[in-house]
N, C-alpha and C. Protein backbone atom coordinates (compact mmCIF):
# COMPACT_ATOMS: atom_id res chain seq x y z
N MET A 1 -45.28 -95.56 84.35
CA MET A 1 -46.31 -95.91 85.01
C MET A 1 -47.77 -96.30 83.49
N ILE A 2 -47.83 -97.69 83.90
CA ILE A 2 -49.19 -97.83 82.90
C ILE A 2 -50.42 -97.54 83.06
N ASP A 3 -50.60 -96.67 82.49
CA ASP A 3 -51.94 -95.78 83.23
C ASP A 3 -53.38 -97.25 82.95
N SER A 4 -53.31 -97.76 81.35
CA SER A 4 -54.50 -98.53 81.14
C SER A 4 -54.02 -99.24 79.76
N TYR A 5 -54.58 -100.20 79.52
CA TYR A 5 -54.52 -101.08 78.46
C TYR A 5 -55.98 -101.98 78.07
N ASP A 6 -56.02 -102.57 76.34
CA ASP A 6 -57.22 -102.84 76.32
C ASP A 6 -56.62 -103.55 75.19
N PHE A 7 -57.13 -103.97 74.11
CA PHE A 7 -56.79 -104.26 72.90
C PHE A 7 -56.27 -103.62 72.08
N GLY A 8 -54.80 -103.56 71.84
CA GLY A 8 -54.61 -102.86 70.82
C GLY A 8 -54.47 -101.19 71.09
N GLU A 9 -54.56 -101.28 72.75
CA GLU A 9 -53.96 -100.02 72.91
C GLU A 9 -53.79 -99.62 74.54
N ILE A 10 -52.53 -98.97 74.46
CA ILE A 10 -52.25 -98.67 75.82
C ILE A 10 -51.96 -97.22 76.32
N VAL A 11 -52.07 -96.85 77.58
CA VAL A 11 -51.98 -95.46 77.92
C VAL A 11 -50.51 -95.62 79.02
N ILE A 12 -49.81 -94.79 78.59
CA ILE A 12 -48.25 -94.74 79.73
C ILE A 12 -48.20 -93.19 79.91
N ASP A 13 -48.20 -92.94 81.08
CA ASP A 13 -47.85 -91.68 81.45
C ASP A 13 -48.99 -90.76 80.59
N GLY A 14 -50.30 -91.37 80.81
CA GLY A 14 -51.09 -90.25 79.78
C GLY A 14 -50.86 -90.36 78.76
N ARG A 15 -50.32 -90.90 77.50
CA ARG A 15 -49.73 -90.84 76.20
C ARG A 15 -50.41 -92.46 75.90
N ARG A 16 -50.84 -92.01 75.03
CA ARG A 16 -51.71 -93.06 74.22
C ARG A 16 -50.76 -93.85 73.03
N TYR A 17 -50.94 -94.80 73.10
CA TYR A 17 -50.11 -96.01 72.24
C TYR A 17 -50.94 -97.19 71.62
N PHE A 18 -50.79 -97.51 70.39
CA PHE A 18 -51.39 -98.15 69.35
C PHE A 18 -50.63 -98.89 68.69
N ARG A 19 -49.39 -99.54 68.82
CA ARG A 19 -48.50 -100.23 68.54
C ARG A 19 -48.01 -100.80 69.53
N ASP A 20 -47.20 -102.16 69.04
CA ASP A 20 -46.47 -103.10 69.84
C ASP A 20 -45.32 -102.30 70.43
N LEU A 21 -44.85 -102.60 71.77
CA LEU A 21 -43.72 -101.32 71.64
C LEU A 21 -42.95 -102.04 73.03
N ILE A 22 -42.11 -101.47 73.46
CA ILE A 22 -40.81 -102.06 74.85
C ILE A 22 -41.01 -100.73 75.70
N LEU A 23 -41.35 -101.28 76.75
CA LEU A 23 -41.04 -99.88 77.83
C LEU A 23 -40.10 -100.06 78.37
N PHE A 24 -39.11 -98.91 78.21
CA PHE A 24 -37.46 -98.99 79.48
C PHE A 24 -38.06 -97.96 80.53
N PRO A 25 -37.20 -98.15 81.32
CA PRO A 25 -37.13 -97.15 82.57
C PRO A 25 -37.25 -95.97 82.11
N GLU A 26 -36.36 -95.11 81.06
CA GLU A 26 -36.82 -93.71 80.69
C GLU A 26 -37.16 -93.52 79.49
N ARG A 27 -37.39 -94.37 78.61
CA ARG A 27 -37.98 -94.35 77.35
C ARG A 27 -39.16 -95.30 76.91
N VAL A 28 -40.02 -94.97 75.89
CA VAL A 28 -41.03 -95.95 75.23
C VAL A 28 -40.71 -96.22 74.01
N GLU A 29 -40.17 -97.38 73.76
CA GLU A 29 -40.31 -97.49 71.45
C GLU A 29 -41.01 -97.80 71.33
N SER A 30 -42.36 -97.36 70.44
CA SER A 30 -43.36 -97.79 70.17
C SER A 30 -43.03 -98.05 68.83
N GLY A 31 -43.99 -99.29 68.31
CA GLY A 31 -43.58 -99.50 66.70
C GLY A 31 -42.72 -100.45 66.75
N TRP A 32 -42.57 -101.24 67.79
CA TRP A 32 -41.66 -102.73 67.70
C TRP A 32 -42.51 -103.78 67.07
N TRP A 33 -41.21 -104.12 66.25
CA TRP A 33 -41.98 -105.30 65.30
C TRP A 33 -40.62 -106.41 65.56
N ARG A 34 -41.49 -107.64 65.53
CA ARG A 34 -40.83 -109.04 65.53
C ARG A 34 -40.50 -109.39 64.31
N ARG A 35 -39.61 -109.93 64.30
CA ARG A 35 -38.58 -110.79 62.81
C ARG A 35 -39.78 -111.89 62.41
N GLU A 36 -40.67 -112.31 63.03
CA GLU A 36 -41.86 -113.37 63.03
C GLU A 36 -43.33 -113.14 63.65
N GLY A 37 -43.83 -112.18 63.37
CA GLY A 37 -44.73 -111.74 64.30
C GLY A 37 -44.96 -112.12 65.44
N HIS A 38 -45.73 -113.52 65.63
CA HIS A 38 -45.99 -114.47 66.90
C HIS A 38 -44.63 -115.13 67.51
N ASN A 39 -44.01 -114.93 67.19
CA ASN A 39 -42.80 -115.84 67.81
C ASN A 39 -41.81 -114.91 67.69
N LEU A 40 -41.25 -114.96 69.78
CA LEU A 40 -40.27 -113.83 69.31
C LEU A 40 -38.73 -114.72 69.96
N SER A 41 -38.01 -113.54 68.82
CA SER A 41 -36.89 -114.46 69.05
C SER A 41 -36.05 -113.77 69.39
N VAL A 42 -34.11 -113.76 70.00
CA VAL A 42 -33.47 -113.22 70.79
C VAL A 42 -33.50 -111.60 69.67
N GLU A 43 -33.03 -112.07 68.54
CA GLU A 43 -32.75 -110.70 67.57
C GLU A 43 -34.31 -109.54 68.25
N ASP A 44 -35.21 -109.92 68.56
CA ASP A 44 -36.57 -109.41 68.33
C ASP A 44 -35.58 -108.50 70.10
N LEU A 45 -35.00 -109.00 70.79
CA LEU A 45 -34.41 -108.27 71.96
C LEU A 45 -33.52 -107.64 72.16
N GLU A 46 -33.00 -107.79 71.25
CA GLU A 46 -31.50 -107.23 71.34
C GLU A 46 -31.00 -105.78 72.17
N GLU A 47 -31.85 -104.90 71.72
CA GLU A 47 -31.87 -103.61 72.28
C GLU A 47 -32.20 -103.68 74.17
N VAL A 48 -33.22 -104.54 74.20
CA VAL A 48 -33.44 -104.54 75.63
C VAL A 48 -32.41 -105.29 76.50
N LEU A 49 -31.76 -106.59 75.97
CA LEU A 49 -30.73 -107.29 76.24
C LEU A 49 -29.26 -106.75 76.61
N LYS A 50 -29.10 -105.17 75.46
CA LYS A 50 -28.00 -104.64 75.94
C LYS A 50 -28.23 -103.62 77.62
N GLU A 51 -29.40 -103.49 77.77
CA GLU A 51 -30.03 -102.59 78.35
C GLU A 51 -29.97 -103.00 79.85
N LYS A 52 -29.18 -104.32 79.91
CA LYS A 52 -29.57 -105.06 81.47
C LYS A 52 -30.01 -105.22 82.04
N PRO A 53 -31.47 -105.41 81.78
CA PRO A 53 -32.82 -104.92 82.56
C PRO A 53 -32.54 -106.02 84.04
N GLU A 54 -32.61 -105.84 85.59
CA GLU A 54 -33.15 -106.97 86.12
C GLU A 54 -34.31 -107.67 86.02
N ILE A 55 -35.21 -107.71 85.57
CA ILE A 55 -36.40 -108.23 85.12
C ILE A 55 -37.03 -107.72 83.85
N LEU A 56 -36.88 -108.56 82.61
CA LEU A 56 -37.81 -108.17 81.89
C LEU A 56 -38.99 -108.89 81.68
N ILE A 57 -40.14 -108.25 81.24
CA ILE A 57 -41.44 -108.44 80.95
C ILE A 57 -41.85 -108.94 79.59
N VAL A 58 -42.58 -110.19 79.30
CA VAL A 58 -42.63 -110.11 77.95
C VAL A 58 -44.62 -110.22 77.81
N GLY A 59 -45.20 -109.02 77.59
CA GLY A 59 -46.52 -109.34 77.25
C GLY A 59 -46.84 -109.73 76.20
N THR A 60 -47.33 -111.09 76.01
CA THR A 60 -47.75 -111.57 74.89
C THR A 60 -49.12 -111.71 73.70
N GLY A 61 -49.97 -110.52 74.57
CA GLY A 61 -51.17 -110.12 73.33
C GLY A 61 -52.25 -110.34 74.76
N TYR A 62 -53.58 -109.56 74.19
CA TYR A 62 -54.71 -109.87 74.77
C TYR A 62 -54.92 -111.12 75.26
N ALA A 63 -55.17 -112.52 73.95
CA ALA A 63 -55.65 -113.60 74.31
C ALA A 63 -53.78 -114.73 74.33
N GLY A 64 -52.55 -113.61 74.67
CA GLY A 64 -51.74 -114.59 74.69
C GLY A 64 -51.38 -115.37 73.44
N LEU A 65 -51.25 -115.06 72.08
CA LEU A 65 -51.19 -115.78 71.24
C LEU A 65 -49.20 -115.19 70.60
N MET A 66 -48.71 -114.48 71.46
CA MET A 66 -47.29 -114.57 71.18
C MET A 66 -46.38 -115.48 71.66
N LYS A 67 -45.71 -116.30 70.99
CA LYS A 67 -44.62 -117.14 71.60
C LYS A 67 -43.26 -116.59 71.92
N VAL A 68 -42.87 -117.32 73.19
CA VAL A 68 -41.55 -116.88 73.59
C VAL A 68 -41.04 -118.23 73.24
N SER A 69 -39.79 -117.86 72.31
CA SER A 69 -38.88 -119.32 72.14
C SER A 69 -38.05 -119.47 73.49
N LYS A 70 -37.64 -120.70 73.13
CA LYS A 70 -36.74 -122.00 74.36
C LYS A 70 -35.35 -120.99 74.18
N GLU A 71 -34.72 -120.33 73.18
CA GLU A 71 -33.40 -119.35 72.66
C GLU A 71 -33.89 -118.41 73.13
N VAL A 72 -35.18 -117.34 73.40
CA VAL A 72 -35.13 -116.32 74.29
C VAL A 72 -34.79 -116.51 75.97
N ARG A 73 -35.64 -117.64 76.20
CA ARG A 73 -35.56 -118.07 77.57
C ARG A 73 -34.29 -118.34 77.85
N ASP A 74 -33.92 -119.22 77.29
CA ASP A 74 -32.13 -119.46 77.58
C ASP A 74 -31.32 -118.09 77.81
N ARG A 75 -31.49 -117.55 76.58
CA ARG A 75 -30.29 -116.25 76.29
C ARG A 75 -30.55 -115.25 77.85
N VAL A 76 -32.00 -114.89 77.70
CA VAL A 76 -31.57 -113.86 78.99
C VAL A 76 -32.09 -114.71 80.53
N LYS A 77 -31.97 -116.01 80.55
CA LYS A 77 -31.56 -116.53 82.24
C LYS A 77 -30.17 -116.53 81.92
N ALA A 78 -29.20 -116.73 81.17
CA ALA A 78 -28.10 -117.24 80.88
C ALA A 78 -27.31 -116.01 80.85
N LEU A 79 -28.07 -114.52 80.79
CA LEU A 79 -27.83 -113.06 81.02
C LEU A 79 -27.86 -112.61 82.22
N GLY A 80 -28.54 -113.79 83.41
CA GLY A 80 -28.67 -113.17 84.69
C GLY A 80 -30.40 -112.56 85.10
N ILE A 81 -30.71 -112.82 83.69
CA ILE A 81 -32.37 -111.92 84.11
C ILE A 81 -33.28 -112.60 84.10
N GLU A 82 -34.64 -111.84 85.06
CA GLU A 82 -35.22 -112.85 85.20
C GLU A 82 -36.59 -112.23 84.31
N LEU A 83 -36.74 -113.22 83.96
CA LEU A 83 -38.31 -113.50 82.99
C LEU A 83 -39.48 -113.75 83.46
N ILE A 84 -40.22 -112.82 83.01
CA ILE A 84 -41.91 -113.02 83.18
C ILE A 84 -42.60 -112.74 82.08
N VAL A 85 -43.30 -113.80 81.60
CA VAL A 85 -44.05 -114.16 80.26
C VAL A 85 -45.59 -114.14 80.78
N GLN A 86 -46.38 -113.17 79.86
CA GLN A 86 -47.47 -113.50 80.86
C GLN A 86 -48.42 -112.46 79.39
N ARG A 87 -49.95 -112.58 79.32
CA ARG A 87 -50.84 -111.78 78.54
C ARG A 87 -50.35 -110.42 79.16
N THR A 88 -50.72 -109.69 78.24
CA THR A 88 -50.28 -108.34 77.86
C THR A 88 -51.02 -107.22 79.24
N GLU A 89 -52.13 -107.75 79.45
CA GLU A 89 -52.98 -107.52 80.58
C GLU A 89 -52.30 -107.75 81.98
N GLU A 90 -52.09 -109.14 82.26
CA GLU A 90 -51.24 -109.15 83.23
C GLU A 90 -50.01 -108.61 83.44
N ALA A 91 -49.37 -108.63 82.47
CA ALA A 91 -47.63 -108.29 81.98
C ALA A 91 -47.86 -106.94 83.03
N CYS A 92 -48.75 -105.63 82.16
CA CYS A 92 -49.33 -104.62 82.69
C CYS A 92 -48.89 -104.23 84.28
N ARG A 93 -49.65 -104.91 84.77
CA ARG A 93 -50.31 -105.23 86.48
C ARG A 93 -48.63 -105.35 86.91
N THR A 94 -48.39 -106.62 86.70
CA THR A 94 -46.92 -106.95 87.13
C THR A 94 -45.90 -105.83 86.87
N TYR A 95 -46.04 -104.68 85.52
CA TYR A 95 -45.01 -104.01 85.46
C TYR A 95 -45.23 -103.20 86.55
N ASN A 96 -46.18 -102.84 87.07
CA ASN A 96 -46.06 -101.50 87.68
C ASN A 96 -46.35 -101.76 88.91
N ASN A 97 -46.45 -102.97 89.26
CA ASN A 97 -46.15 -103.65 90.76
C ASN A 97 -44.32 -103.58 90.87
N LEU A 98 -43.98 -104.04 90.00
CA LEU A 98 -42.51 -104.08 90.04
C LEU A 98 -41.46 -102.62 90.47
N ILE A 99 -42.27 -101.86 89.41
CA ILE A 99 -41.61 -100.50 89.17
C ILE A 99 -41.50 -99.89 90.46
N GLN A 100 -42.56 -99.93 91.18
CA GLN A 100 -42.80 -99.08 92.49
C GLN A 100 -42.05 -99.55 93.41
N SER A 101 -41.28 -100.93 93.17
CA SER A 101 -40.28 -101.18 94.31
C SER A 101 -38.66 -101.33 94.00
N GLY A 102 -38.68 -100.15 93.18
CA GLY A 102 -37.62 -99.84 92.40
C GLY A 102 -36.62 -100.58 91.83
N ARG A 103 -37.16 -101.89 91.39
CA ARG A 103 -36.18 -102.65 90.49
C ARG A 103 -36.17 -102.23 89.22
N LYS A 104 -35.37 -102.23 88.51
CA LYS A 104 -35.21 -102.19 86.69
C LYS A 104 -35.59 -103.49 86.18
N VAL A 105 -36.82 -102.80 85.38
CA VAL A 105 -37.40 -103.51 84.79
C VAL A 105 -37.73 -103.04 83.30
N VAL A 106 -37.98 -103.85 82.27
CA VAL A 106 -38.48 -103.70 81.07
C VAL A 106 -39.46 -103.95 80.39
N ALA A 107 -40.18 -103.86 79.48
CA ALA A 107 -41.65 -104.62 79.46
C ALA A 107 -41.67 -104.87 78.09
N ALA A 108 -41.83 -105.71 77.31
CA ALA A 108 -41.93 -105.36 76.18
C ALA A 108 -43.57 -105.93 75.38
N LEU A 109 -44.18 -105.13 75.03
CA LEU A 109 -45.88 -105.69 75.03
C LEU A 109 -46.49 -105.75 73.76
N HIS A 110 -47.09 -106.86 73.41
CA HIS A 110 -47.90 -107.32 72.82
C HIS A 110 -48.99 -106.77 72.31
N LEU A 111 -49.93 -106.10 72.01
CA LEU A 111 -51.14 -105.24 71.91
C LEU A 111 -52.02 -106.07 71.69
N THR A 112 -51.77 -106.79 70.50
CA THR A 112 -53.25 -107.31 70.01
C THR A 112 -53.19 -108.83 70.02
N CYS A 113 -54.01 -109.50 69.77
CA CYS A 113 -53.71 -111.15 69.71
C CYS A 113 -53.52 -111.57 70.54
C-alpha cells in the first residue's frame, strides 16, 4: 500500500523511497532508471512485461513531464495489459484502489518532475 507521495518522496508500507521505482505485487524495485529519462520506452519496462500484470499504472511525475511512447502503449495493449497513465499523485491513489480490489497491478512511478 502506498502511504503517501510528495515531490521526490514516496512512502510504501512505512518505508521511504527517494528514487523512481517499480512497485510489483510482492516487491519494490527502487532506483528505476529509464534509457531516455523523461521518455518511457519498452526497454524500460522489460521486467514489468515479464510479470504480466492485469494493469500497469505509469506515474508520469509530479507535474506529469514523463512521456509514454506510442510503442509502449501498443506493446502493453498487445500483451492484454490495461495501461493507466497519470501524474504520480493520482497514480498512487489509483494503485491503492485497484490493489484493494484484488487485481494484479504493477506501478512504475517517476517521483520528480
